[in-house]
C-alpha atoms as a PDB file:
ATOM      1  CA  MET A   1     -11.208  28.067  15.633  1.00  0.00           C
ATOM      2  CA  ASP A   2     -13.387  28.979  18.608  1.00  0.00           C
ATOM      3  CA  ASN A   3     -15.051  31.763  16.630  1.00  0.00           C
ATOM      4  CA  ILE A   4     -16.123  29.450  13.807  1.00  0.00           C
ATOM      5  CA  PRO A   5     -19.693  28.129  14.155  1.00  0.00           C
ATOM      6  CA  ILE A   6     -19.745  24.360  13.788  1.00  0.00           C
ATOM      7  CA  PRO A   7     -22.456  23.124  11.394  1.00  0.00           C
ATOM      8  CA  SER A   8     -25.164  20.775  12.594  1.00  0.00           C
ATOM      9  CA  LYS A   9     -25.655  17.286  11.231  1.00  0.00           C
ATOM     10  CA  SER A  10     -28.437  18.546   8.973  1.00  0.00           C
ATOM     11  CA  ASP A  11     -26.134  21.252   7.600  1.00  0.00           C
ATOM     12  CA  LEU A  12     -23.467  18.713   6.724  1.00  0.00           C
ATOM     13  CA  GLN A  13     -25.945  16.370   5.065  1.00  0.00           C
ATOM     14  CA  ALA A  14     -27.534  19.196   3.140  1.00  0.00           C
ATOM     15  CA  ARG A  15     -24.124  20.078   1.695  1.00  0.00           C
ATOM     16  CA  SER A  16     -23.968  16.706  -0.033  1.00  0.00           C
ATOM     17  CA  ILE A  17     -27.186  17.359  -1.961  1.00  0.00           C
ATOM     18  CA  GLU A  18     -27.195  19.474  -5.094  1.00  0.00           C
ATOM     19  CA  PRO A  19     -29.240  22.669  -4.737  1.00  0.00           C
ATOM     20  CA  VAL A  20     -32.644  22.361  -6.371  1.00  0.00           C
ATOM     21  CA  SER A  21     -34.069  25.452  -8.032  1.00  0.00           C
ATOM     22  CA  SER A  22     -37.774  26.145  -8.258  1.00  0.00           C
ATOM     23  CA  GLN A  23     -37.258  26.387 -12.032  1.00  0.00           C
ATOM     24  CA  PRO A  24     -35.948  23.164 -13.651  1.00  0.00           C
ATOM     25  CA  ARG A  25     -32.687  23.551 -15.488  1.00  0.00           C
ATOM     26  CA  VAL A  26     -32.793  23.111 -19.236  1.00  0.00           C
ATOM     27  CA  TRP A  27     -31.065  20.195 -20.920  1.00  0.00           C
ATOM     28  CA  HIS A  28     -28.819  21.817 -23.494  1.00  0.00           C
ATOM     29  CA  GLY A  29     -28.396  18.800 -25.717  1.00  0.00           C
ATOM     30  CA  PRO A  30     -25.194  17.035 -26.771  1.00  0.00           C
ATOM     31  CA  ASP A  31     -23.567  20.093 -28.345  1.00  0.00           C
ATOM     32  CA  PRO A  32     -22.389  23.307 -26.643  1.00  0.00           C
ATOM     33  CA  ALA A  33     -23.901  26.565 -27.797  1.00  0.00           C
ATOM     34  CA  PRO A  34     -22.251  28.133 -30.885  1.00  0.00           C
ATOM     35  CA  LEU A  35     -20.414  30.762 -28.819  1.00  0.00           C
ATOM     36  CA  HIS A  36     -19.181  28.078 -26.422  1.00  0.00           C
ATOM     37  CA  ARG A  37     -17.872  26.083 -29.367  1.00  0.00           C
ATOM     38  CA  LEU A  38     -15.930  29.104 -30.606  1.00  0.00           C
ATOM     39  CA  LEU A  39     -14.256  29.369 -27.202  1.00  0.00           C
ATOM     40  CA  LEU A  40     -13.469  25.649 -27.200  1.00  0.00           C
ATOM     41  CA  ASP A  41     -11.832  26.110 -30.605  1.00  0.00           C
ATOM     42  CA  ALA A  42      -9.845  29.031 -29.195  1.00  0.00           C
ATOM     43  CA  CYS A  43      -8.633  26.753 -26.388  1.00  0.00           C
ATOM     44  CA  LEU A  44      -7.951  23.597 -28.399  1.00  0.00           C
ATOM     45  CA  ALA A  45      -7.526  24.281 -32.117  1.00  0.00           C
ATOM     46  CA  PRO A  46      -4.160  24.951 -33.821  1.00  0.00           C
ATOM     47  CA  GLU A  47      -2.831  28.449 -33.267  1.00  0.00           C
ATOM     48  CA  LYS A  48      -4.159  30.147 -36.412  1.00  0.00           C
ATOM     49  CA  ALA A  49      -7.599  28.569 -36.151  1.00  0.00           C
ATOM     50  CA  ALA A  50      -7.665  29.341 -32.418  1.00  0.00           C
ATOM     51  CA  GLN A  51      -6.928  33.018 -33.079  1.00  0.00           C
ATOM     52  CA  THR A  52      -9.672  33.147 -35.711  1.00  0.00           C
ATOM     53  CA  ALA A  53     -12.179  31.544 -33.326  1.00  0.00           C
ATOM     54  CA  TRP A  54     -11.228  33.979 -30.575  1.00  0.00           C
ATOM     55  CA  GLU A  55     -11.682  37.009 -32.803  1.00  0.00           C
ATOM     56  CA  GLU A  56     -15.034  35.689 -34.003  1.00  0.00           C
ATOM     57  CA  TRP A  57     -16.163  35.156 -30.405  1.00  0.00           C
ATOM     58  CA  LEU A  58     -15.165  38.733 -29.511  1.00  0.00           C
ATOM     59  CA  ARG A  59     -17.156  40.001 -32.475  1.00  0.00           C
ATOM     60  CA  ARG A  60     -20.319  38.047 -31.633  1.00  0.00           C
ATOM     61  CA  CYS A  61     -20.376  37.976 -27.827  1.00  0.00           C
ATOM     62  CA  ARG A  62     -21.970  40.386 -25.362  1.00  0.00           C
ATOM     63  CA  PHE A  63     -19.224  40.271 -22.800  1.00  0.00           C
ATOM     64  CA  ASP A  64     -21.167  41.721 -19.886  1.00  0.00           C
ATOM     65  CA  GLN A  65     -23.987  39.214 -20.384  1.00  0.00           C
ATOM     66  CA  GLU A  66     -22.060  35.977 -20.877  1.00  0.00           C
ATOM     67  CA  ASP A  67     -22.276  32.991 -18.527  1.00  0.00           C
ATOM     68  CA  PRO A  68     -19.566  31.673 -16.150  1.00  0.00           C
ATOM     69  CA  ALA A  69     -18.549  28.967 -18.633  1.00  0.00           C
ATOM     70  CA  SER A  70     -17.742  31.630 -21.227  1.00  0.00           C
ATOM     71  CA  TYR A  71     -15.708  33.775 -18.837  1.00  0.00           C
ATOM     72  CA  GLU A  72     -13.708  30.769 -17.710  1.00  0.00           C
ATOM     73  CA  LEU A  73     -12.956  29.528 -21.223  1.00  0.00           C
ATOM     74  CA  ALA A  74     -12.206  33.064 -22.404  1.00  0.00           C
ATOM     75  CA  ALA A  75      -9.599  33.480 -19.658  1.00  0.00           C
ATOM     76  CA  MET A  76      -8.020  30.165 -20.648  1.00  0.00           C
ATOM     77  CA  ALA A  77      -8.010  31.162 -24.321  1.00  0.00           C
ATOM     78  CA  VAL A  78      -6.263  34.446 -23.456  1.00  0.00           C
ATOM     79  CA  ALA A  79      -3.656  32.559 -21.423  1.00  0.00           C
ATOM     80  CA  ARG A  80      -3.025  30.246 -24.366  1.00  0.00           C
ATOM     81  CA  LEU A  81      -2.978  32.842 -27.154  1.00  0.00           C
ATOM     82  CA  GLY A  82      -0.957  35.484 -25.309  1.00  0.00           C
ATOM     83  CA  LEU A  83      -0.271  38.476 -27.551  1.00  0.00           C
ATOM     84  CA  LEU A  84      -2.388  36.941 -30.318  1.00  0.00           C
ATOM     85  CA  ALA A  85      -5.470  37.571 -28.162  1.00  0.00           C
ATOM     86  CA  GLY A  86      -5.009  41.325 -28.586  1.00  0.00           C
ATOM     87  CA  ASN A  87      -5.067  44.044 -25.969  1.00  0.00           C
ATOM     88  CA  GLY A  88      -8.715  45.097 -25.774  1.00  0.00           C
ATOM     89  CA  SER A  89     -10.751  45.629 -22.624  1.00  0.00           C
ATOM     90  CA  GLU A  90     -12.159  42.100 -22.848  1.00  0.00           C
ATOM     91  CA  VAL A  91      -8.640  40.678 -22.695  1.00  0.00           C
ATOM     92  CA  SER A  92      -7.811  42.789 -19.638  1.00  0.00           C
ATOM     93  CA  ARG A  93     -10.980  41.610 -17.889  1.00  0.00           C
ATOM     94  CA  CYS A  94     -10.182  37.979 -18.716  1.00  0.00           C
ATOM     95  CA  GLN A  95      -6.750  38.452 -17.159  1.00  0.00           C
ATOM     96  CA  GLY A  96      -8.433  39.905 -14.082  1.00  0.00           C
ATOM     97  CA  TRP A  97     -10.723  36.864 -13.909  1.00  0.00           C
ATOM     98  CA  LYS A  98      -7.650  34.655 -14.043  1.00  0.00           C
ATOM     99  CA  ARG A  99      -5.955  36.541 -11.196  1.00  0.00           C
ATOM    100  CA  ARG A 100      -9.133  36.233  -9.114  1.00  0.00           C
ATOM    101  CA  SER A 101      -9.373  32.494  -9.788  1.00  0.00           C
ATOM    102  CA  TRP A 102      -5.770  31.973  -8.661  1.00  0.00           C
ATOM    103  CA  PHE A 103      -6.332  34.047  -5.543  1.00  0.00           C
ATOM    104  CA  LEU A 104      -9.151  31.632  -4.642  1.00  0.00           C
ATOM    105  CA  SER A 105      -7.005  28.655  -5.655  1.00  0.00           C
ATOM    106  CA  GLU A 106      -4.268  29.586  -3.174  1.00  0.00           C
ATOM    107  CA  ILE A 107      -6.896  29.691  -0.414  1.00  0.00           C
ATOM    108  CA  ALA A 108      -8.262  26.323  -1.556  1.00  0.00           C
ATOM    109  CA  ILE A 109      -4.807  24.732  -1.533  1.00  0.00           C
ATOM    110  CA  ALA A 110      -4.183  25.881   2.045  1.00  0.00           C
ATOM    111  CA  ALA A 111      -7.621  24.672   3.156  1.00  0.00           C
ATOM    112  CA  ALA A 112      -7.063  21.284   1.507  1.00  0.00           C
ATOM    113  CA  GLU A 113      -3.767  20.891   3.359  1.00  0.00           C
ATOM    114  CA  ARG A 114      -5.491  21.645   6.682  1.00  0.00           C
ATOM    115  CA  LEU A 115      -8.106  19.030   5.824  1.00  0.00           C
ATOM    116  CA  ARG A 116      -5.365  16.497   5.114  1.00  0.00           C
ATOM    117  CA  GLN A 117      -3.593  17.185   8.399  1.00  0.00           C
ATOM    118  CA  THR A 118      -6.840  16.975  10.387  1.00  0.00           C
ATOM    119  CA  ALA A 119      -7.796  13.746   8.630  1.00  0.00           C
ATOM    120  CA  LEU A 120      -4.448  12.212   9.592  1.00  0.00           C
ATOM    121  CA  GLN A 121      -5.081  13.157  13.223  1.00  0.00           C
ATOM    122  CA  LEU A 122      -8.494  11.480  13.035  1.00  0.00           C
ATOM    123  CA  GLY A 123      -7.124   8.366  11.331  1.00  0.00           C
ATOM    124  CA  LEU A 124      -9.044   9.034   8.099  1.00  0.00           C
ATOM    125  CA  GLU A 125      -7.890   8.680   4.517  1.00  0.00           C
ATOM    126  CA  PRO A 126      -8.965  11.725   2.439  1.00  0.00           C
ATOM    127  CA  THR A 127      -9.843  11.295  -1.221  1.00  0.00           C
ATOM    128  CA  PRO A 128      -9.774  14.607  -3.125  1.00  0.00           C
ATOM    129  CA  VAL A 129     -12.055  14.710  -6.147  1.00  0.00           C
ATOM    130  CA  GLY A 130     -12.942  17.249  -8.817  1.00  0.00           C
ATOM    131  CA  ASP A 131     -10.621  20.231  -9.137  1.00  0.00           C
ATOM    132  CA  LEU A 132      -8.409  19.112  -6.249  1.00  0.00           C
ATOM    133  CA  SER A 133      -7.667  15.767  -7.909  1.00  0.00           C
ATOM    134  CA  THR A 134      -6.838  17.576 -11.158  1.00  0.00           C
ATOM    135  CA  TYR A 135      -4.462  19.897  -9.303  1.00  0.00           C
ATOM    136  CA  ASN A 136      -2.817  17.053  -7.374  1.00  0.00           C
ATOM    137  CA  ALA A 137      -2.253  15.169 -10.632  1.00  0.00           C
ATOM    138  CA  GLY A 138      -0.161  18.077 -11.911  1.00  0.00           C
ATOM    139  CA  LEU A 139      -2.244  18.528 -15.066  1.00  0.00           C
ATOM    140  CA  GLU A 140      -1.555  21.797 -16.872  1.00  0.00           C
ATOM    141  CA  TYR A 141      -3.064  23.991 -19.542  1.00  0.00           C
ATOM    142  CA  ALA A 142      -0.977  26.601 -21.368  1.00  0.00           C
ATOM    143  CA  GLY A 143       1.937  25.691 -19.110  1.00  0.00           C
ATOM    144  CA  LYS A 144       0.131  26.312 -15.804  1.00  0.00           C
ATOM    145  CA  HIS A 145      -2.000  24.378 -13.354  1.00  0.00           C
ATOM    146  CA  LEU A 146      -5.749  24.653 -13.704  1.00  0.00           C
ATOM    147  CA  PRO A 147      -7.359  26.835 -11.005  1.00  0.00           C
ATOM    148  CA  ILE A 148      -9.315  25.214  -8.171  1.00  0.00           C
ATOM    149  CA  ARG A 149     -12.970  26.282  -8.158  1.00  0.00           C
ATOM    150  CA  SER A 150     -14.248  24.112  -5.300  1.00  0.00           C
ATOM    151  CA  ILE A 151     -12.972  21.983  -2.414  1.00  0.00           C
ATOM    152  CA  GLU A 152     -14.498  18.519  -2.592  1.00  0.00           C
ATOM    153  CA  VAL A 153     -13.066  15.711  -0.481  1.00  0.00           C
ATOM    154  CA  TYR A 154     -14.406  12.301   0.545  1.00  0.00           C
ATOM    155  CA  PHE A 155     -13.571  10.788   3.930  1.00  0.00           C
ATOM    156  CA  PRO A 156     -14.769   7.153   3.887  1.00  0.00           C
ATOM    157  CA  GLY A 157     -15.957   6.029   7.296  1.00  0.00           C
ATOM    158  CA  ALA A 158     -15.985   9.514   8.833  1.00  0.00           C
ATOM    159  CA  ALA A 159     -18.509  10.111  11.611  1.00  0.00           C
ATOM    160  CA  THR A 160     -20.574  13.289  11.840  1.00  0.00           C
ATOM    161  CA  SER A 161     -18.309  14.588  14.623  1.00  0.00           C
ATOM    162  CA  ASP A 162     -15.303  14.007  12.351  1.00  0.00           C
ATOM    163  CA  LEU A 163     -16.930  15.964   9.525  1.00  0.00           C
ATOM    164  CA  ARG A 164     -17.625  18.852  11.910  1.00  0.00           C
ATOM    165  CA  ARG A 165     -14.010  18.980  12.985  1.00  0.00           C
ATOM    166  CA  LEU A 166     -12.843  18.778   9.369  1.00  0.00           C
ATOM    167  CA  TYR A 167     -15.251  21.543   8.409  1.00  0.00           C
ATOM    168  CA  ALA A 168     -13.904  23.770  11.175  1.00  0.00           C
ATOM    169  CA  SER A 169     -10.309  23.209  10.088  1.00  0.00           C
ATOM    170  CA  ALA A 170     -11.115  24.078   6.473  1.00  0.00           C
ATOM    171  CA  MET A 171     -12.844  27.303   7.541  1.00  0.00           C
ATOM    172  CA  GLU A 172      -9.810  28.791   9.272  1.00  0.00           C
ATOM    173  CA  GLY A 173      -8.251  32.007   8.019  1.00  0.00           C
ATOM    174  CA  PRO A 174      -9.220  33.603   4.687  1.00  0.00           C
ATOM    175  CA  ALA A 175     -11.181  30.479   3.671  1.00  0.00           C
ATOM    176  CA  ASN A 176     -13.919  31.418   6.140  1.00  0.00           C
ATOM    177  CA  GLY A 177     -15.085  34.411   4.135  1.00  0.00           C
ATOM    178  CA  VAL A 178     -14.797  32.959   0.629  1.00  0.00           C
ATOM    179  CA  ILE A 179     -16.544  29.700   1.570  1.00  0.00           C
ATOM    180  CA  ARG A 180     -19.385  31.495   3.360  1.00  0.00           C
ATOM    181  CA  SER A 181     -19.866  33.783   0.347  1.00  0.00           C
ATOM    182  CA  HIS A 182     -20.038  30.698  -1.939  1.00  0.00           C
ATOM    183  CA  ARG A 183     -17.086  31.886  -3.995  1.00  0.00           C
ATOM    184  CA  LEU A 184     -15.306  28.643  -3.054  1.00  0.00           C
ATOM    185  CA  PRO A 185     -17.757  25.794  -2.401  1.00  0.00           C
ATOM    186  CA  LEU A 186     -16.768  23.304   0.303  1.00  0.00           C
ATOM    187  CA  ILE A 187     -18.137  19.765   0.024  1.00  0.00           C
ATOM    188  CA  LEU A 188     -17.176  17.096   2.574  1.00  0.00           C
ATOM    189  CA  ARG A 189     -18.730  13.641   2.315  1.00  0.00           C
ATOM    190  CA  SER A 190     -18.314  10.359   4.105  1.00  0.00           C
ATOM    191  CA  ARG A 191     -20.351   8.092   1.836  1.00  0.00           C
ATOM    192  CA  SER A 192     -20.364   8.079  -1.936  1.00  0.00           C
ATOM    193  CA  ARG A 193     -19.260   6.043  -4.919  1.00  0.00           C
ATOM    194  CA  PHE A 194     -16.379   7.295  -6.985  1.00  0.00           C
ATOM    195  CA  PRO A 195     -13.738   5.835  -9.342  1.00  0.00           C
ATOM    196  CA  GLU A 196     -10.021   5.620  -8.621  1.00  0.00           C
ATOM    197  CA  MET A 197      -9.155   9.320  -8.600  1.00  0.00           C
ATOM    198  CA  SER A 198      -5.394   8.783  -8.557  1.00  0.00           C
ATOM    199  CA  THR A 199      -5.399   7.460 -12.145  1.00  0.00           C
ATOM    200  CA  PRO A 200      -6.117   9.209 -15.472  1.00  0.00           C
ATOM    201  CA  ALA A 201      -8.883   6.690 -16.202  1.00  0.00           C
ATOM    202  CA  GLY A 202     -10.622   7.342 -12.898  1.00  0.00           C
ATOM    203  CA  ARG A 203     -10.446  11.108 -13.349  1.00  0.00           C
ATOM    204  CA  ILE A 204     -11.824  10.854 -16.891  1.00  0.00           C
ATOM    205  CA  VAL A 205     -14.736   8.701 -15.705  1.00  0.00           C
ATOM    206  CA  TRP A 206     -15.426  11.167 -12.878  1.00  0.00           C
ATOM    207  CA  LEU A 207     -15.312  14.208 -15.162  1.00  0.00           C
ATOM    208  CA  ALA A 208     -17.492  12.621 -17.827  1.00  0.00           C
ATOM    209  CA  SER A 209     -19.999  11.158 -15.373  1.00  0.00           C
ATOM    210  CA  ARG A 210     -20.329  14.256 -13.214  1.00  0.00           C
ATOM    211  CA  ASN A 211     -20.563  16.831 -16.001  1.00  0.00           C
ATOM    212  CA  TRP A 212     -22.516  14.904 -18.597  1.00  0.00           C
ATOM    213  CA  CYS A 213     -25.040  13.319 -16.241  1.00  0.00           C
ATOM    214  CA  ARG A 214     -25.896  16.581 -14.512  1.00  0.00           C
ATOM    215  CA  PHE A 215     -26.538  19.711 -16.539  1.00  0.00           C
ATOM    216  CA  PRO A 216     -24.428  20.032 -19.696  1.00  0.00           C
ATOM    217  CA  PRO A 217     -22.709  22.034 -20.975  1.00  0.00           C
ATOM    218  CA  GLY A 218     -21.836  22.870 -17.361  1.00  0.00           C
ATOM    219  CA  ARG A 219     -18.680  24.904 -16.992  1.00  0.00           C
ATOM    220  CA  LEU A 220     -17.126  23.169 -20.046  1.00  0.00           C
ATOM    221  CA  ARG A 221     -13.614  23.210 -18.595  1.00  0.00           C
ATOM    222  CA  TRP A 222     -14.052  19.487 -18.041  1.00  0.00           C
ATOM    223  CA  ILE A 223     -13.572  18.912 -21.788  1.00  0.00           C
ATOM    224  CA  LEU A 224     -10.071  20.348 -21.559  1.00  0.00           C
ATOM    225  CA  GLU A 225      -9.413  18.298 -18.422  1.00  0.00           C
ATOM    226  CA  VAL A 226     -10.482  15.046 -20.122  1.00  0.00           C
ATOM    227  CA  ARG A 227      -8.035  15.684 -22.950  1.00  0.00           C
ATOM    228  CA  ALA A 228      -5.237  16.547 -20.509  1.00  0.00           C
ATOM    229  CA  ASN A 229      -5.833  13.315 -18.593  1.00  0.00           C
ATOM    230  CA  ALA A 230      -5.876  11.267 -21.803  1.00  0.00           C
ATOM    231  CA  GLN A 231      -2.572  12.858 -22.881  1.00  0.00           C
ATOM    232  CA  SER A 232      -1.002  12.003 -19.512  1.00  0.00           C
ATOM    233  CA  ALA A 233      -1.726   8.271 -19.882  1.00  0.00           C
ATOM    234  CA  PRO A 234       1.283   6.321 -21.219  1.00  0.00           C
ATOM    235  CA  ASP A 235      -0.746   3.573 -22.957  1.00  0.00           C
ATOM    236  CA  PRO A 236      -3.989   4.521 -24.805  1.00  0.00           C
ATOM    237  CA  LEU A 237      -5.193   0.910 -24.998  1.00  0.00           C
ATOM    238  CA  LEU A 238      -4.661   0.323 -21.295  1.00  0.00           C
ATOM    239  CA  LEU A 239      -6.368   3.649 -20.568  1.00  0.00           C
ATOM    240  CA  ALA A 240      -9.395   2.536 -22.617  1.00  0.00           C
ATOM    241  CA  ALA A 241      -9.648  -0.748 -20.684  1.00  0.00           C
ATOM    242  CA  HIS A 242      -9.470   0.996 -17.321  1.00  0.00           C
ATOM    243  CA  ILE A 243     -12.068   3.599 -18.343  1.00  0.00           C
ATOM    244  CA  GLU A 244     -14.479   0.866 -19.406  1.00  0.00           C
ATOM    245  CA  ASP A 245     -13.990  -1.107 -16.191  1.00  0.00           C
ATOM    246  CA  GLN A 246     -14.511   1.887 -13.906  1.00  0.00           C
ATOM    247  CA  ALA A 247     -17.436   3.315 -15.882  1.00  0.00           C
ATOM    248  CA  ARG A 248     -19.232  -0.044 -15.781  1.00  0.00           C
ATOM    249  CA  GLN A 249     -18.620  -0.367 -12.046  1.00  0.00           C
ATOM    250  CA  LEU A 250     -19.940   3.141 -11.460  1.00  0.00           C
ATOM    251  CA  GLY A 251     -22.950   2.550 -13.712  1.00  0.00           C
ATOM    252  CA  THR A 252     -22.336   5.627 -15.864  1.00  0.00           C
ATOM    253  CA  LEU A 253     -21.031   4.061 -19.074  1.00  0.00           C
ATOM    254  CA  ALA A 254     -23.756   5.693 -21.223  1.00  0.00           C
ATOM    255  CA  ALA A 255     -22.818   9.141 -19.946  1.00  0.00           C
ATOM    256  CA  VAL A 256     -19.091   8.478 -20.391  1.00  0.00           C
ATOM    257  CA  VAL A 257     -19.542   7.353 -24.016  1.00  0.00           C
ATOM    258  CA  GLU A 258     -21.588  10.425 -24.939  1.00  0.00           C
ATOM    259  CA  ALA A 259     -19.272  12.786 -23.102  1.00  0.00           C
ATOM    260  CA  LEU A 260     -16.149  11.396 -24.756  1.00  0.00           C
ATOM    261  CA  ARG A 261     -17.779  11.635 -28.174  1.00  0.00           C
ATOM    262  CA  LEU A 262     -18.376  15.326 -27.562  1.00  0.00           C
ATOM    263  CA  THR A 263     -14.816  15.764 -26.299  1.00  0.00           C
ATOM    264  CA  ALA A 264     -13.419  14.083 -29.415  1.00  0.00           C
ATOM    265  CA  ASP A 265     -15.531  16.344 -31.652  1.00  0.00           C
ATOM    266  CA  SER A 266     -14.584  19.494 -29.724  1.00  0.00           C
ATOM    267  CA  GLY A 267     -10.819  19.250 -30.114  1.00  0.00           C
ATOM    268  CA  PRO A 268      -8.299  18.832 -32.914  1.00  0.00           C
ATOM    269  CA  ASP A 269      -8.633  15.739 -35.073  1.00  0.00           C
ATOM    270  CA  ASP A 270      -5.669  13.985 -33.470  1.00  0.00           C
ATOM    271  CA  GLY A 271      -7.319  10.648 -32.693  1.00  0.00           C
ATOM    272  CA  LEU A 272      -6.516  11.058 -28.994  1.00  0.00           C
ATOM    273  CA  LEU A 273      -9.739   9.432 -27.799  1.00  0.00           C
ATOM    274  CA  ALA A 274     -10.294   7.085 -30.759  1.00  0.00           C
ATOM    275  CA  PRO A 275      -8.978   3.939 -28.963  1.00  0.00           C
ATOM    276  CA  VAL A 276     -11.101   4.737 -25.922  1.00  0.00           C
ATOM    277  CA  LEU A 277     -14.307   5.213 -27.913  1.00  0.00           C
ATOM    278  CA  ALA A 278     -13.622   2.084 -29.971  1.00  0.00           C
ATOM    279  CA  ARG A 279     -13.294   0.057 -26.758  1.00  0.00           C
ATOM    280  CA  LEU A 280     -16.348   1.590 -25.071  1.00  0.00           C
ATOM    281  CA  THR A 281     -18.641   1.061 -28.065  1.00  0.00           C
ATOM    282  CA  ALA A 282     -17.476  -2.484 -28.872  1.00  0.00           C
ATOM    283  CA  ARG A 283     -20.049  -3.946 -26.478  1.00  0.00           C
ATOM    284  CA  PRO A 284     -23.641  -2.843 -25.789  1.00  0.00           C
ATOM    285  CA  VAL A 285     -24.105  -0.208 -23.099  1.00  0.00           C
ATOM    286  CA  PRO A 286     -26.090  -1.661 -20.152  1.00  0.00           C
ATOM    287  CA  MET A 287     -29.731  -0.569 -19.966  1.00  0.00           C
ATOM    288  CA  THR A 288     -29.320   0.461 -16.321  1.00  0.00           C
ATOM    289  CA  SER A 289     -26.660   2.949 -17.391  1.00  0.00           C
ATOM    290  CA  ARG A 290     -28.961   4.374 -20.067  1.00  0.00           C
ATOM    291  CA  VAL A 291     -31.793   4.732 -17.541  1.00  0.00           C
ATOM    292  CA  ARG A 292     -29.443   6.453 -15.085  1.00  0.00           C
ATOM    293  CA  LEU A 293     -28.451   8.969 -17.759  1.00  0.00           C
ATOM    294  CA  TRP A 294     -32.102   9.610 -18.677  1.00  0.00           C
ATOM    295  CA  ALA A 295     -32.988  10.171 -15.016  1.00  0.00           C
ATOM    296  CA  ALA A 296     -30.105  12.600 -14.582  1.00  0.00           C
ATOM    297  CA  ARG A 297     -31.095  14.575 -17.676  1.00  0.00           C
ATOM    298  CA  HIS A 298     -34.675  14.926 -16.507  1.00  0.00           C
ATOM    299  CA  GLN A 299     -33.772  15.547 -12.850  1.00  0.00           C
ATOM    300  CA  ALA A 300     -35.818  12.510 -11.893  1.00  0.00           C
ATOM    301  CA  GLY A 301     -35.921  12.176  -8.136  1.00  0.00           C
ATOM    302  CA  LEU A 302     -34.303  15.532  -7.336  1.00  0.00           C
ATOM    303  CA  GLY A 303     -37.606  17.076  -6.231  1.00  0.00           C
ATOM    304  CA  LEU A 304     -38.391  14.106  -3.978  1.00  0.00           C
ATOM    305  CA  GLN A 305     -34.850  14.153  -2.600  1.00  0.00           C
ATOM    306  CA  ALA A 306     -35.127  17.836  -1.726  1.00  0.00           C
ATOM    307  CA  LEU A 307     -38.548  17.286  -0.088  1.00  0.00           C
ATOM    308  CA  LEU A 308     -37.253  14.420   2.046  1.00  0.00           C
ATOM    309  CA  CYS A 309     -34.226  16.470   3.071  1.00  0.00           C
ATOM    310  CA  ARG A 310     -36.442  19.334   4.215  1.00  0.00           C
ATOM    311  CA  ARG A 311     -38.770  16.965   6.099  1.00  0.00           C
ATOM    312  CA  LEU A 312     -36.049  14.917   7.790  1.00  0.00           C
ATOM    313  CA  HIS A 313     -33.704  17.829   8.487  1.00  0.00           C
ATOM    314  CA  PRO A 314     -35.795  20.983   8.982  1.00  0.00           C
ATOM    315  CA  PRO A 315     -33.856  24.237   9.426  1.00  0.00           C
END
């Protein structure tokens, strides 16, 4: 641990702010691109339709020029279809992507355990969010856990010195190299609002709010995660009530409604999310939630936030 440079306070605070590019990201609209939708069908549709969608995607795609969302969904489609996916070079490369993602996941799991142990020593209660919360919930796709792409943990009440010690513990061993190379992002925060991540409703609200408010279609795996969380809930009506309560408290109900509509349209017509959408649309969506969604779509305030960060915490 002595050889690991400890980040300054400005470094830690900068990690909690999304990177701002000089070129604004484009709002992709409520629907994924046509090639993304083919991959979603390959991941979610019945077997025959999934195989057809996969073959159509292979015919139309330019594999070397696709985006990360496509590679991720393609690897998941190959895992689901098995021999039906074929044995071409694209399939072999998707399997290699999957092996790489699980190599990083094993490092993330070990780092998360070190964070938990250090937090216990400091008297803090860690709250894993994002991919870690999905992994801890035991959610599976095609019979296996979903890979961990980032380490994001909240430590309510943590001081800056606590965050530095937690950061150092996470950076031990192989995690040092993969985190520094940005192959496995590490995000530690002490102050933020989030739903109850230990419940399916809380995870659905988090996934919908985070991915729909920011820059859709994002990585698109969240659509599969929303469906997996909905399937894990024992009572659909109770799930709908909890989603509404937590989305209203978080102020992201407009984003959650739109995201769940897309999720319902992207999967098989099984009515999985019908009770949830019926509950969420029974009452008007608050105007503050609509304004929040508009601001997120147009990146309102991100430029000012980045400017203030640079002024208050110069490198």
